[in-house]
Amino acid sequence: MLGEDHSLTNDFPEYLRTIAELNESDTEFAKKADKYDKLDKEIRVLELKDAPISDEQMHQLKHERTELKDWLYERLQQEQ
């Protein structure tokens, strides 16, 4: 679905506390989470504007978002 919110807090509500704690205590997590949120917002905006970039560029942005999300999710699981 276009323009769907894939923020960490939206996709992983069961980890809200862990996300907040890691954002405070783990600078690498905080940097990657910030980058992920900015990338997710950029993708949503582009999708809502009918993606004024090439399909290849959009695919690359989504691929980068997926890689960041995978890393962040693994880190969240390690804290449980």
C-alpha atoms as a PDB file:
ATOM      1  CA  MET A   1       0.000   0.000   0.000  1.00  0.00           C
ATOM      2  CA  LEU A   2       1.354   3.400  -0.951  1.00  0.00           C
ATOM      3  CA  GLY A   3       2.323   5.850   1.742  1.00  0.00           C
ATOM      4  CA  GLU A   4       2.181   3.225   4.481  1.00  0.00           C
ATOM      5  CA  ASP A   5       3.970   4.110   7.728  1.00  0.00           C
ATOM      6  CA  HIS A   6       6.778   1.635   8.429  1.00  0.00           C
ATOM      7  CA  SER A   7       8.294   3.475  11.378  1.00  0.00           C
ATOM      8  CA  LEU A   8       9.913   1.263  14.004  1.00  0.00           C
ATOM      9  CA  THR A   9       7.332   2.169  16.612  1.00  0.00           C
ATOM     10  CA  ASN A  10       4.504   1.381  14.196  1.00  0.00           C
ATOM     11  CA  ASP A  11       5.911  -1.928  12.974  1.00  0.00           C
ATOM     12  CA  PHE A  12       7.235  -3.111  16.351  1.00  0.00           C
ATOM     13  CA  PRO A  13       4.860  -1.764  19.021  1.00  0.00           C
ATOM     14  CA  GLU A  14       5.892  -4.589  21.350  1.00  0.00           C
ATOM     15  CA  TYR A  15       9.403  -3.067  21.437  1.00  0.00           C
ATOM     16  CA  LEU A  16       8.446   0.555  22.250  1.00  0.00           C
ATOM     17  CA  ARG A  17      10.281   0.538  25.561  1.00  0.00           C
ATOM     18  CA  THR A  18      13.335  -1.213  24.115  1.00  0.00           C
ATOM     19  CA  ILE A  19      13.471   1.231  21.186  1.00  0.00           C
ATOM     20  CA  ALA A  20      13.408   4.176  23.599  1.00  0.00           C
ATOM     21  CA  GLU A  21      16.064   2.620  25.835  1.00  0.00           C
ATOM     22  CA  LEU A  22      18.385   1.792  22.931  1.00  0.00           C
ATOM     23  CA  ASN A  23      17.959   5.264  21.450  1.00  0.00           C
ATOM     24  CA  GLU A  24      19.270   6.611  24.763  1.00  0.00           C
ATOM     25  CA  SER A  25      22.027   4.091  25.484  1.00  0.00           C
ATOM     26  CA  ASP A  26      23.305   2.842  22.114  1.00  0.00           C
ATOM     27  CA  THR A  27      24.612   5.488  19.722  1.00  0.00           C
ATOM     28  CA  GLU A  28      24.905   3.066  16.794  1.00  0.00           C
ATOM     29  CA  PHE A  29      21.287   1.974  17.227  1.00  0.00           C
ATOM     30  CA  ALA A  30      20.145   5.597  17.569  1.00  0.00           C
ATOM     31  CA  LYS A  31      21.958   6.653  14.382  1.00  0.00           C
ATOM     32  CA  LYS A  32      20.598   3.735  12.381  1.00  0.00           C
ATOM     33  CA  ALA A  33      17.084   4.225  13.776  1.00  0.00           C
ATOM     34  CA  ASP A  34      17.196   7.908  12.828  1.00  0.00           C
ATOM     35  CA  LYS A  35      18.439   7.069   9.338  1.00  0.00           C
ATOM     36  CA  TYR A  36      15.716   4.423   9.006  1.00  0.00           C
ATOM     37  CA  ASP A  37      12.962   6.838  10.068  1.00  0.00           C
ATOM     38  CA  LYS A  38      14.169   9.526   7.658  1.00  0.00           C
ATOM     39  CA  LEU A  39      14.387   7.025   4.814  1.00  0.00           C
ATOM     40  CA  ASP A  40      10.912   5.675   5.582  1.00  0.00           C
ATOM     41  CA  LYS A  41       9.490   9.201   5.539  1.00  0.00           C
ATOM     42  CA  GLU A  42      11.262   9.972   2.251  1.00  0.00           C
ATOM     43  CA  ILE A  43       9.794   6.836   0.655  1.00  0.00           C
ATOM     44  CA  ARG A  44       6.278   7.662   1.902  1.00  0.00           C
ATOM     45  CA  VAL A  45       6.481  11.201   0.514  1.00  0.00           C
ATOM     46  CA  LEU A  46       7.748   9.946  -2.846  1.00  0.00           C
ATOM     47  CA  GLU A  47       5.006   7.324  -3.042  1.00  0.00           C
ATOM     48  CA  LEU A  48       2.320   9.893  -2.298  1.00  0.00           C
ATOM     49  CA  LYS A  49       3.732  12.136  -5.027  1.00  0.00           C
ATOM     50  CA  ASP A  50       3.504   9.267  -7.541  1.00  0.00           C
ATOM     51  CA  ALA A  51       7.217   8.482  -7.116  1.00  0.00           C
ATOM     52  CA  PRO A  52       8.899  11.198  -9.211  1.00  0.00           C
ATOM     53  CA  ILE A  53      12.017   9.021  -9.371  1.00  0.00           C
ATOM     54  CA  SER A  54      12.849   5.947 -11.410  1.00  0.00           C
ATOM     55  CA  ASP A  55      11.674   2.497 -10.374  1.00  0.00           C
ATOM     56  CA  GLU A  56      15.304   1.511  -9.891  1.00  0.00           C
ATOM     57  CA  GLN A  57      15.912   4.431  -7.522  1.00  0.00           C
ATOM     58  CA  MET A  58      12.779   3.588  -5.540  1.00  0.00           C
ATOM     59  CA  HIS A  59      13.820  -0.054  -5.351  1.00  0.00           C
ATOM     60  CA  GLN A  60      17.230   1.008  -4.014  1.00  0.00           C
ATOM     61  CA  LEU A  61      15.658   3.196  -1.314  1.00  0.00           C
ATOM     62  CA  LYS A  62      13.344   0.371  -0.237  1.00  0.00           C
ATOM     63  CA  HIS A  63      16.224  -2.098  -0.235  1.00  0.00           C
ATOM     64  CA  GLU A  64      18.271   0.201   1.998  1.00  0.00           C
ATOM     65  CA  ARG A  65      15.271   0.618   4.334  1.00  0.00           C
ATOM     66  CA  THR A  66      14.863  -3.173   4.535  1.00  0.00           C
ATOM     67  CA  GLU A  67      18.524  -3.714   5.379  1.00  0.00           C
ATOM     68  CA  LEU A  68      18.356  -1.098   8.137  1.00  0.00           C
ATOM     69  CA  LYS A  69      15.132  -2.571   9.488  1.00  0.00           C
ATOM     70  CA  ASP A  70      16.644  -6.058   9.590  1.00  0.00           C
ATOM     71  CA  TRP A  71      19.671  -4.773  11.532  1.00  0.00           C
ATOM     72  CA  LEU A  72      17.492  -2.807  13.948  1.00  0.00           C
ATOM     73  CA  TYR A  73      15.143  -5.746  14.516  1.00  0.00           C
ATOM     74  CA  GLU A  74      18.056  -8.067  15.269  1.00  0.00           C
ATOM     75  CA  ARG A  75      19.357  -5.544  17.778  1.00  0.00           C
ATOM     76  CA  LEU A  76      15.929  -5.295  19.407  1.00  0.00           C
ATOM     77  CA  GLN A  77      15.722  -9.060  19.727  1.00  0.00           C
ATOM     78  CA  GLN A  78      19.152  -9.174  21.374  1.00  0.00           C
ATOM     79  CA  GLU A  79      17.815  -6.942  24.162  1.00  0.00           C
ATOM     80  CA  GLN A  80      14.944  -9.305  25.004  1.00  0.00           C
END
